[in-house]
Amino acid sequence: MNNITFGLLFAAVAGIMVFIALDELLPSAQKFGQHHLSIYGLITGMAIMAVSLLLFA
């Protein structure tokens, strides 16, 4: 297994994890009336991760 294979596998697993989190958490947030707050948190978290990868990689 090479670096490209690992990268593709990690990207697929990350996509599945994001989908499951949104599929489970967004309806719960909407039920409590805070669905916009959860989307803002998701976008903020992704931005923080992107910046940290750029700064420390």
C-alpha atoms as a PDB file:
ATOM      1  CA  MET A   1       0.000   0.000   0.000  1.00  0.00           C
ATOM      2  CA  ASN A   2       1.354   3.395  -0.961  1.00  0.00           C
ATOM      3  CA  ASN A   3       0.605   6.957   0.107  1.00  0.00           C
ATOM      4  CA  ILE A   4      -2.080   7.480  -2.547  1.00  0.00           C
ATOM      5  CA  THR A   5      -4.027   4.444  -1.357  1.00  0.00           C
ATOM      6  CA  PHE A   6      -3.819   5.595   2.259  1.00  0.00           C
ATOM      7  CA  GLY A   7      -4.943   9.088   1.255  1.00  0.00           C
ATOM      8  CA  LEU A   8      -7.963   7.740  -0.617  1.00  0.00           C
ATOM      9  CA  LEU A   9      -8.927   5.444   2.243  1.00  0.00           C
ATOM     10  CA  PHE A  10      -8.624   8.208   4.844  1.00  0.00           C
ATOM     11  CA  ALA A  11     -10.645  10.584   2.656  1.00  0.00           C
ATOM     12  CA  ALA A  12     -13.399   7.987   2.238  1.00  0.00           C
ATOM     13  CA  VAL A  13     -13.545   7.274   5.972  1.00  0.00           C
ATOM     14  CA  ALA A  14     -13.618  11.001   6.778  1.00  0.00           C
ATOM     15  CA  GLY A  15     -16.467  11.525   4.308  1.00  0.00           C
ATOM     16  CA  ILE A  16     -18.440   8.665   5.841  1.00  0.00           C
ATOM     17  CA  MET A  17     -17.884  10.076   9.334  1.00  0.00           C
ATOM     18  CA  VAL A  18     -19.070  13.548   8.298  1.00  0.00           C
ATOM     19  CA  PHE A  19     -22.141  12.068   6.608  1.00  0.00           C
ATOM     20  CA  ILE A  20     -23.081  10.005   9.667  1.00  0.00           C
ATOM     21  CA  ALA A  21     -22.560  12.949  11.987  1.00  0.00           C
ATOM     22  CA  LEU A  22     -24.762  15.205   9.873  1.00  0.00           C
ATOM     23  CA  ASP A  23     -27.350  12.499   9.279  1.00  0.00           C
ATOM     24  CA  GLU A  24     -27.732  11.875  13.009  1.00  0.00           C
ATOM     25  CA  LEU A  25     -27.042  15.267  14.572  1.00  0.00           C
ATOM     26  CA  LEU A  26     -28.753  17.680  12.202  1.00  0.00           C
ATOM     27  CA  PRO A  27     -32.282  16.264  12.712  1.00  0.00           C
ATOM     28  CA  SER A  28     -31.733  16.380  16.478  1.00  0.00           C
ATOM     29  CA  ALA A  29     -30.562  19.988  16.283  1.00  0.00           C
ATOM     30  CA  GLN A  30     -33.529  20.873  14.107  1.00  0.00           C
ATOM     31  CA  LYS A  31     -35.888  19.298  16.632  1.00  0.00           C
ATOM     32  CA  PHE A  32     -34.503  21.628  19.312  1.00  0.00           C
ATOM     33  CA  GLY A  33     -34.542  24.639  16.972  1.00  0.00           C
ATOM     34  CA  GLN A  34     -30.763  25.141  16.807  1.00  0.00           C
ATOM     35  CA  HIS A  35     -29.950  23.715  13.373  1.00  0.00           C
ATOM     36  CA  HIS A  36     -28.230  26.887  12.158  1.00  0.00           C
ATOM     37  CA  LEU A  37     -25.896  26.800  15.142  1.00  0.00           C
ATOM     38  CA  SER A  38     -24.832  23.229  14.344  1.00  0.00           C
ATOM     39  CA  ILE A  39     -24.070  24.145  10.720  1.00  0.00           C
ATOM     40  CA  TYR A  40     -22.002  27.137  11.867  1.00  0.00           C
ATOM     41  CA  GLY A  41     -20.089  24.843  14.221  1.00  0.00           C
ATOM     42  CA  LEU A  42     -19.449  22.352  11.421  1.00  0.00           C
ATOM     43  CA  ILE A  43     -18.128  25.023   9.061  1.00  0.00           C
ATOM     44  CA  THR A  44     -16.007  26.603  11.794  1.00  0.00           C
ATOM     45  CA  GLY A  45     -14.519  23.232  12.731  1.00  0.00           C
ATOM     46  CA  MET A  46     -13.665  22.437   9.121  1.00  0.00           C
ATOM     47  CA  ALA A  47     -12.047  25.856   8.702  1.00  0.00           C
ATOM     48  CA  ILE A  48      -9.966  25.402  11.854  1.00  0.00           C
ATOM     49  CA  MET A  49      -8.808  21.987  10.673  1.00  0.00           C
ATOM     50  CA  ALA A  50      -7.898  23.367   7.237  1.00  0.00           C
ATOM     51  CA  VAL A  51      -5.903  26.233   8.735  1.00  0.00           C
ATOM     52  CA  SER A  52      -4.105  23.909  11.148  1.00  0.00           C
ATOM     53  CA  LEU A  53      -3.147  21.602   8.271  1.00  0.00           C
ATOM     54  CA  LEU A  54      -1.770  24.530   6.311  1.00  0.00           C
ATOM     55  CA  LEU A  55       0.192  25.911   9.260  1.00  0.00           C
ATOM     56  CA  PHE A  56       1.640  22.689  10.644  1.00  0.00           C
ATOM     57  CA  ALA A  57       2.091  20.423   7.620  1.00  0.00           C
END
